[in-house]
C-alpha atoms as a PDB file:
ATOM      1  CA  MET A   1       1.534  15.303  13.981  1.00  0.00           C
ATOM      2  CA  ASN A   2       2.260  12.516  16.440  1.00  0.00           C
ATOM      3  CA  THR A   3       5.036  10.506  14.864  1.00  0.00           C
ATOM      4  CA  GLN A   4       5.228   7.932  17.667  1.00  0.00           C
ATOM      5  CA  THR A   5       4.082   4.523  16.471  1.00  0.00           C
ATOM      6  CA  ASP A   6       3.835   1.092  18.040  1.00  0.00           C
ATOM      7  CA  PRO A   7       6.044  -1.719  16.697  1.00  0.00           C
ATOM      8  CA  PRO A   8       4.598  -3.425  13.617  1.00  0.00           C
ATOM      9  CA  ILE A   9       2.767  -6.727  13.857  1.00  0.00           C
ATOM     10  CA  GLU A  10       4.687  -9.528  12.152  1.00  0.00           C
ATOM     11  CA  ILE A  11       3.541 -12.909  10.847  1.00  0.00           C
ATOM     12  CA  GLU A  12       5.851 -15.416   9.186  1.00  0.00           C
ATOM     13  CA  THR A  13       4.477 -18.166   6.961  1.00  0.00           C
ATOM     14  CA  GLY A  14       7.582 -20.297   7.437  1.00  0.00           C
ATOM     15  CA  PRO A  15      11.043 -20.403   9.018  1.00  0.00           C
ATOM     16  CA  ALA A  16      13.821 -18.068   7.866  1.00  0.00           C
ATOM     17  CA  PRO A  17      11.644 -15.856   5.617  1.00  0.00           C
ATOM     18  CA  SER A  18      13.117 -15.124   2.201  1.00  0.00           C
ATOM     19  CA  HIS A  19      10.499 -12.539   1.170  1.00  0.00           C
ATOM     20  CA  ALA A  20       8.467  -9.825   2.870  1.00  0.00           C
ATOM     21  CA  VAL A  21       5.170  -8.032   2.393  1.00  0.00           C
ATOM     22  CA  ILE A  22       4.843  -4.687   4.152  1.00  0.00           C
ATOM     23  CA  TRP A  23       1.093  -4.026   4.332  1.00  0.00           C
ATOM     24  CA  LEU A  24      -0.348  -0.649   5.398  1.00  0.00           C
ATOM     25  CA  HIS A  25      -3.884  -0.327   6.759  1.00  0.00           C
ATOM     26  CA  GLY A  26      -6.476   2.304   5.962  1.00  0.00           C
ATOM     27  CA  LEU A  27      -7.671   5.403   7.813  1.00  0.00           C
ATOM     28  CA  GLY A  28      -8.822   4.751  11.372  1.00  0.00           C
ATOM     29  CA  ALA A  29      -7.758   1.098  11.423  1.00  0.00           C
ATOM     30  CA  ASP A  30      -4.472  -0.323  12.707  1.00  0.00           C
ATOM     31  CA  GLY A  31      -1.956  -3.026  11.864  1.00  0.00           C
ATOM     32  CA  ASN A  32      -4.343  -5.769  12.967  1.00  0.00           C
ATOM     33  CA  ASP A  33      -6.750  -4.998  10.135  1.00  0.00           C
ATOM     34  CA  PHE A  34      -5.376  -7.388   7.510  1.00  0.00           C
ATOM     35  CA  VAL A  35      -3.751  -9.973   9.778  1.00  0.00           C
ATOM     36  CA  PRO A  36      -6.627 -12.476   9.301  1.00  0.00           C
ATOM     37  CA  ILE A  37      -6.132 -12.437   5.531  1.00  0.00           C
ATOM     38  CA  VAL A  38      -2.646 -13.994   5.647  1.00  0.00           C
ATOM     39  CA  SER A  39      -4.000 -17.494   6.237  1.00  0.00           C
ATOM     40  CA  GLU A  40      -6.349 -17.080   3.246  1.00  0.00           C
ATOM     41  CA  LEU A  41      -3.598 -16.318   0.723  1.00  0.00           C
ATOM     42  CA  GLU A  42      -2.323 -19.880   0.321  1.00  0.00           C
ATOM     43  CA  LEU A  43       1.344 -18.978   0.635  1.00  0.00           C
ATOM     44  CA  ALA A  44       2.333 -22.056   2.637  1.00  0.00           C
ATOM     45  CA  ALA A  45       4.850 -23.047  -0.033  1.00  0.00           C
ATOM     46  CA  ALA A  46       6.763 -19.798   0.493  1.00  0.00           C
ATOM     47  CA  SER A  47       8.430 -18.396   3.592  1.00  0.00           C
ATOM     48  CA  VAL A  48       7.149 -14.834   3.795  1.00  0.00           C
ATOM     49  CA  ARG A  49       7.303 -12.257   6.565  1.00  0.00           C
ATOM     50  CA  PHE A  50       4.211 -10.054   6.669  1.00  0.00           C
ATOM     51  CA  VAL A  51       4.802  -6.710   8.357  1.00  0.00           C
ATOM     52  CA  PHE A  52       1.730  -4.738   9.434  1.00  0.00           C
ATOM     53  CA  PRO A  53       2.755  -1.301  10.758  1.00  0.00           C
ATOM     54  CA  HIS A  54       0.484   1.059  12.676  1.00  0.00           C
ATOM     55  CA  ALA A  55      -0.075   4.598  11.416  1.00  0.00           C
ATOM     56  CA  PRO A  56       0.527   7.408  13.935  1.00  0.00           C
ATOM     57  CA  MET A  57      -2.355   8.988  15.819  1.00  0.00           C
ATOM     58  CA  GLN A  58      -3.288  12.421  14.470  1.00  0.00           C
ATOM     59  CA  PRO A  59      -6.318  14.686  13.932  1.00  0.00           C
ATOM     60  CA  VAL A  60      -8.061  14.195  10.589  1.00  0.00           C
ATOM     61  CA  THR A  61      -9.674  17.310   9.144  1.00  0.00           C
ATOM     62  CA  ILE A  62     -12.425  15.576   7.157  1.00  0.00           C
ATOM     63  CA  ASN A  63     -13.492  13.803  10.362  1.00  0.00           C
ATOM     64  CA  HIS A  64     -13.880  17.095  12.258  1.00  0.00           C
ATOM     65  CA  GLY A  65     -10.381  16.897  13.689  1.00  0.00           C
ATOM     66  CA  TYR A  66     -11.014  13.593  15.457  1.00  0.00           C
ATOM     67  CA  VAL A  67      -7.734  11.935  16.435  1.00  0.00           C
ATOM     68  CA  MET A  68      -7.226   8.520  14.848  1.00  0.00           C
ATOM     69  CA  ARG A  69      -4.591   6.449  13.146  1.00  0.00           C
ATOM     70  CA  ALA A  70      -3.825   8.043   9.793  1.00  0.00           C
ATOM     71  CA  TRP A  71      -0.915   7.998   7.369  1.00  0.00           C
ATOM     72  CA  TYR A  72      -1.725  11.607   6.429  1.00  0.00           C
ATOM     73  CA  ASP A  73      -4.447  14.182   6.903  1.00  0.00           C
ATOM     74  CA  ILE A  74      -7.422  14.345   4.557  1.00  0.00           C
ATOM     75  CA  VAL A  75      -8.839  17.811   4.049  1.00  0.00           C
ATOM     76  CA  GLY A  76     -11.720  17.045   1.686  1.00  0.00           C
ATOM     77  CA  VAL A  77     -13.281  14.535  -0.668  1.00  0.00           C
ATOM     78  CA  GLU A  78     -11.704  15.954  -3.826  1.00  0.00           C
ATOM     79  CA  PHE A  79      -8.714  13.638  -4.149  1.00  0.00           C
ATOM     80  CA  GLY A  80      -5.713  15.279  -5.744  1.00  0.00           C
ATOM     81  CA  ARG A  81      -6.537  18.735  -4.387  1.00  0.00           C
ATOM     82  CA  ARG A  82      -5.366  20.311  -1.117  1.00  0.00           C
ATOM     83  CA  GLU A  83      -3.320  17.227  -0.301  1.00  0.00           C
ATOM     84  CA  ASP A  84      -1.340  16.838   2.914  1.00  0.00           C
ATOM     85  CA  GLU A  85       1.995  16.621   1.128  1.00  0.00           C
ATOM     86  CA  ARG A  86       3.973  16.822   4.355  1.00  0.00           C
ATOM     87  CA  GLY A  87       2.038  13.915   5.854  1.00  0.00           C
ATOM     88  CA  VAL A  88       2.292  11.807   2.700  1.00  0.00           C
ATOM     89  CA  ARG A  89       6.047  12.300   2.497  1.00  0.00           C
ATOM     90  CA  SER A  90       6.478  11.608   6.202  1.00  0.00           C
ATOM     91  CA  SER A  91       4.707   8.261   5.849  1.00  0.00           C
ATOM     92  CA  GLN A  92       6.714   7.552   2.710  1.00  0.00           C
ATOM     93  CA  GLN A  93       9.858   7.959   4.809  1.00  0.00           C
ATOM     94  CA  ARG A  94       8.411   5.661   7.479  1.00  0.00           C
ATOM     95  CA  LEU A  95       7.861   2.997   4.818  1.00  0.00           C
ATOM     96  CA  GLU A  96      11.395   3.492   3.516  1.00  0.00           C
ATOM     97  CA  GLU A  97      12.650   2.814   7.051  1.00  0.00           C
ATOM     98  CA  LEU A  98      10.679  -0.427   7.164  1.00  0.00           C
ATOM     99  CA  ILE A  99      12.190  -1.507   3.828  1.00  0.00           C
ATOM    100  CA  ALA A 100      15.655  -0.768   5.214  1.00  0.00           C
ATOM    101  CA  ARG A 101      14.817  -2.738   8.350  1.00  0.00           C
ATOM    102  CA  GLU A 102      13.970  -5.794   6.281  1.00  0.00           C
ATOM    103  CA  ALA A 103      17.207  -5.398   4.311  1.00  0.00           C
ATOM    104  CA  GLU A 104      19.122  -5.401   7.589  1.00  0.00           C
ATOM    105  CA  ARG A 105      17.417  -8.691   8.418  1.00  0.00           C
ATOM    106  CA  GLY A 106      18.460 -10.219   5.103  1.00  0.00           C
ATOM    107  CA  ILE A 107      15.481  -9.537   2.811  1.00  0.00           C
ATOM    108  CA  VAL A 108      16.589  -7.281  -0.023  1.00  0.00           C
ATOM    109  CA  PRO A 109      14.107  -4.860  -1.694  1.00  0.00           C
ATOM    110  CA  GLU A 110      13.709  -7.024  -4.807  1.00  0.00           C
ATOM    111  CA  ARG A 111      12.056  -9.592  -2.538  1.00  0.00           C
ATOM    112  CA  ILE A 112       9.739  -7.107  -0.859  1.00  0.00           C
ATOM    113  CA  VAL A 113       6.167  -6.226  -1.825  1.00  0.00           C
ATOM    114  CA  LEU A 114       4.701  -2.926  -0.658  1.00  0.00           C
ATOM    115  CA  ALA A 115       0.966  -3.260  -0.084  1.00  0.00           C
ATOM    116  CA  GLY A 116      -1.825  -1.191   1.355  1.00  0.00           C
ATOM    117  CA  PHE A 117      -5.523  -0.477   1.546  1.00  0.00           C
ATOM    118  CA  SER A 118      -7.007   2.985   0.971  1.00  0.00           C
ATOM    119  CA  GLN A 119      -4.625   5.478   2.651  1.00  0.00           C
ATOM    120  CA  GLY A 120      -2.139   2.650   3.120  1.00  0.00           C
ATOM    121  CA  GLY A 121      -2.289   1.821  -0.578  1.00  0.00           C
ATOM    122  CA  ALA A 122      -1.656   5.451  -1.442  1.00  0.00           C
ATOM    123  CA  ILE A 123       1.532   5.380   0.629  1.00  0.00           C
ATOM    124  CA  ALA A 124       2.589   2.063  -0.932  1.00  0.00           C
ATOM    125  CA  LEU A 125       2.340   3.742  -4.349  1.00  0.00           C
ATOM    126  CA  GLN A 126       4.005   6.930  -3.129  1.00  0.00           C
ATOM    127  CA  ALA A 127       7.021   5.047  -1.811  1.00  0.00           C
ATOM    128  CA  GLY A 128       7.161   2.214  -4.326  1.00  0.00           C
ATOM    129  CA  LEU A 129       7.228   4.367  -7.443  1.00  0.00           C
ATOM    130  CA  ARG A 130      10.076   6.412  -5.972  1.00  0.00           C
ATOM    131  CA  HIS A 131      12.151   3.690  -4.304  1.00  0.00           C
ATOM    132  CA  ARG A 132      15.712   3.589  -5.604  1.00  0.00           C
ATOM    133  CA  GLN A 133      16.021  -0.202  -5.661  1.00  0.00           C
ATOM    134  CA  ARG A 134      13.768  -2.615  -7.502  1.00  0.00           C
ATOM    135  CA  LEU A 135      10.901  -4.058  -5.488  1.00  0.00           C
ATOM    136  CA  ALA A 136       9.066  -7.341  -6.032  1.00  0.00           C
ATOM    137  CA  GLY A 137       5.767  -5.537  -6.483  1.00  0.00           C
ATOM    138  CA  ILE A 138       3.343  -2.835  -5.369  1.00  0.00           C
ATOM    139  CA  MET A 139      -0.198  -3.728  -4.301  1.00  0.00           C
ATOM    140  CA  ALA A 140      -2.726  -0.888  -4.028  1.00  0.00           C
ATOM    141  CA  LEU A 141      -6.236  -1.759  -2.844  1.00  0.00           C
ATOM    142  CA  SER A 142      -9.186   0.646  -3.013  1.00  0.00           C
ATOM    143  CA  THR A 143      -6.915   3.643  -3.409  1.00  0.00           C
ATOM    144  CA  TYR A 144      -5.363   6.231  -5.730  1.00  0.00           C
ATOM    145  CA  VAL A 145      -1.981   7.786  -6.535  1.00  0.00           C
ATOM    146  CA  PRO A 146      -1.238  10.678  -4.156  1.00  0.00           C
ATOM    147  CA  LEU A 147       0.790  13.740  -5.206  1.00  0.00           C
ATOM    148  CA  ALA A 148       0.116  12.583  -8.760  1.00  0.00           C
ATOM    149  CA  SER A 149       1.599  15.666 -10.421  1.00  0.00           C
ATOM    150  CA  SER A 150       5.040  14.836  -9.006  1.00  0.00           C
ATOM    151  CA  VAL A 151       5.227  11.179 -10.070  1.00  0.00           C
ATOM    152  CA  ALA A 152       6.669  11.693 -13.558  1.00  0.00           C
ATOM    153  CA  GLN A 153       9.524  13.773 -12.184  1.00  0.00           C
ATOM    154  CA  GLU A 154      10.210  11.841  -8.976  1.00  0.00           C
ATOM    155  CA  ARG A 155       9.709   8.221 -10.008  1.00  0.00           C
ATOM    156  CA  ASP A 156      12.790   6.045 -10.022  1.00  0.00           C
ATOM    157  CA  PRO A 157      13.719   3.949 -13.065  1.00  0.00           C
ATOM    158  CA  ALA A 158      14.605   1.062 -10.743  1.00  0.00           C
ATOM    159  CA  ASN A 159      10.887   0.292 -10.452  1.00  0.00           C
ATOM    160  CA  ALA A 160       9.791   1.220 -13.963  1.00  0.00           C
ATOM    161  CA  ASP A 161       8.822  -2.403 -14.712  1.00  0.00           C
ATOM    162  CA  THR A 162       7.807  -3.498 -11.220  1.00  0.00           C
ATOM    163  CA  PRO A 163       4.401  -5.262 -11.218  1.00  0.00           C
ATOM    164  CA  VAL A 164       1.607  -3.071  -9.854  1.00  0.00           C
ATOM    165  CA  TYR A 165      -1.636  -4.634  -8.628  1.00  0.00           C
ATOM    166  CA  MET A 166      -4.661  -2.362  -8.283  1.00  0.00           C
ATOM    167  CA  ALA A 167      -8.135  -3.417  -7.159  1.00  0.00           C
ATOM    168  CA  HIS A 168     -11.255  -1.369  -6.468  1.00  0.00           C
ATOM    169  CA  GLY A 169     -14.915  -1.695  -5.632  1.00  0.00           C
ATOM    170  CA  ALA A 170     -17.451  -0.517  -8.204  1.00  0.00           C
ATOM    171  CA  GLN A 171     -19.637   0.804  -5.369  1.00  0.00           C
ATOM    172  CA  ASP A 172     -16.841   2.460  -3.402  1.00  0.00           C
ATOM    173  CA  GLU A 173     -18.385   5.484  -1.672  1.00  0.00           C
ATOM    174  CA  ILE A 174     -15.152   6.668  -0.030  1.00  0.00           C
ATOM    175  CA  ILE A 175     -12.758   6.727  -2.983  1.00  0.00           C
ATOM    176  CA  PRO A 176     -14.941   6.701  -6.118  1.00  0.00           C
ATOM    177  CA  LEU A 177     -14.093   4.210  -8.843  1.00  0.00           C
ATOM    178  CA  HIS A 178     -13.330   6.952 -11.357  1.00  0.00           C
ATOM    179  CA  VAL A 179     -10.594   8.303  -9.058  1.00  0.00           C
ATOM    180  CA  ALA A 180      -8.849   4.929  -9.009  1.00  0.00           C
ATOM    181  CA  LYS A 181      -9.255   4.491 -12.754  1.00  0.00           C
ATOM    182  CA  ARG A 182      -7.691   7.898 -13.316  1.00  0.00           C
ATOM    183  CA  SER A 183      -4.690   6.820 -11.252  1.00  0.00           C
ATOM    184  CA  ARG A 184      -4.442   3.526 -13.110  1.00  0.00           C
ATOM    185  CA  GLN A 185      -4.479   5.303 -16.466  1.00  0.00           C
ATOM    186  CA  MET A 186      -1.774   7.690 -15.348  1.00  0.00           C
ATOM    187  CA  LEU A 187       0.454   4.761 -14.378  1.00  0.00           C
ATOM    188  CA  VAL A 188      -0.252   2.953 -17.652  1.00  0.00           C
ATOM    189  CA  ASP A 189       0.582   6.117 -19.590  1.00  0.00           C
ATOM    190  CA  LEU A 190       3.912   6.228 -17.751  1.00  0.00           C
ATOM    191  CA  GLY A 191       4.633   2.663 -18.842  1.00  0.00           C
ATOM    192  CA  TYR A 192       3.873   0.720 -15.650  1.00  0.00           C
ATOM    193  CA  ARG A 193       2.559  -2.852 -15.778  1.00  0.00           C
ATOM    194  CA  VAL A 194      -0.729  -2.510 -13.920  1.00  0.00           C
ATOM    195  CA  GLU A 195      -2.908  -5.524 -13.201  1.00  0.00           C
ATOM    196  CA  TRP A 196      -6.399  -4.129 -12.595  1.00  0.00           C
ATOM    197  CA  HIS A 197      -9.325  -5.826 -10.839  1.00  0.00           C
ATOM    198  CA  GLU A 198     -12.787  -4.421 -10.228  1.00  0.00           C
ATOM    199  CA  TYR A 199     -15.321  -5.949  -7.839  1.00  0.00           C
ATOM    200  CA  ALA A 200     -19.001  -5.528  -6.972  1.00  0.00           C
ATOM    201  CA  MET A 201     -18.283  -4.128  -3.517  1.00  0.00           C
ATOM    202  CA  ALA A 202     -17.950  -0.883  -1.586  1.00  0.00           C
ATOM    203  CA  HIS A 203     -14.814   0.407   0.192  1.00  0.00           C
ATOM    204  CA  SER A 204     -13.788  -3.007   1.430  1.00  0.00           C
ATOM    205  CA  VAL A 205     -12.208  -6.335   0.495  1.00  0.00           C
ATOM    206  CA  CYS A 206     -14.066  -9.389  -0.803  1.00  0.00           C
ATOM    207  CA  MET A 207     -13.241 -13.103  -0.979  1.00  0.00           C
ATOM    208  CA  GLU A 208     -12.776 -13.100  -4.750  1.00  0.00           C
ATOM    209  CA  GLU A 209     -10.264 -10.276  -4.340  1.00  0.00           C
ATOM    210  CA  ILE A 210      -8.366 -12.206  -1.664  1.00  0.00           C
ATOM    211  CA  ASP A 211      -8.075 -15.150  -4.057  1.00  0.00           C
ATOM    212  CA  HIS A 212      -6.686 -12.846  -6.761  1.00  0.00           C
ATOM    213  CA  ILE A 213      -4.255 -11.219  -4.301  1.00  0.00           C
ATOM    214  CA  GLY A 214      -2.938 -14.641  -3.285  1.00  0.00           C
ATOM    215  CA  ALA A 215      -2.413 -15.641  -6.912  1.00  0.00           C
ATOM    216  CA  TRP A 216      -0.594 -12.385  -7.685  1.00  0.00           C
ATOM    217  CA  LEU A 217       1.651 -12.712  -4.625  1.00  0.00           C
ATOM    218  CA  ARG A 218       2.551 -16.261  -5.595  1.00  0.00           C
ATOM    219  CA  ARG A 219       3.686 -14.918  -8.972  1.00  0.00           C
ATOM    220  CA  VAL A 220       5.785 -11.996  -7.745  1.00  0.00           C
ATOM    221  CA  LEU A 221       7.268 -13.577  -4.605  1.00  0.00           C
ATOM    222  CA  VAL A 222       9.675 -15.860  -6.461  1.00  0.00           C
END
């Protein structure tokens, strides 16, 4: 695996940011993917630093070994089986380093939201549920919980009541809706506060969803 990554893209909604959102893109995209959404979230009243890291370049098995940006390898379409545990945990560590970097710049974890789409959302959940300090929230878009069988044992009580936002498209052909619902139910059964949204869309993001994301961020970034 190529662990070399370019510096993250950063956007600040105001001077001297007091909060941060670390937002991970999906398979084959890069940190630029969700940059245009920031201006749509109506966060002008808050000073927030958005951090958009780039996944490393690596071959992806399901795409015939084609090298692309990926947070971990995907072997097949049966999510939860034959997972790239090493890759998932490596990206989890990368996200932990980004959290620590924000803390060094004065933004403590309780003012940080971990967010991501698809693969990026899986890593946000992987890291957020296990982080040893309370976070402001975890936002998981069009995704699922990776390494699900290890969550109950590895989760940290510091984030037992951290708000979790999950959203999914009813016509998602990449990560089927039932996969996401299974992950949501697992989190609910473990006692997490999951805000769930379902949209008439495929594996993507829609305007209604962006409005809901902005409203949720305004609630948790306080």
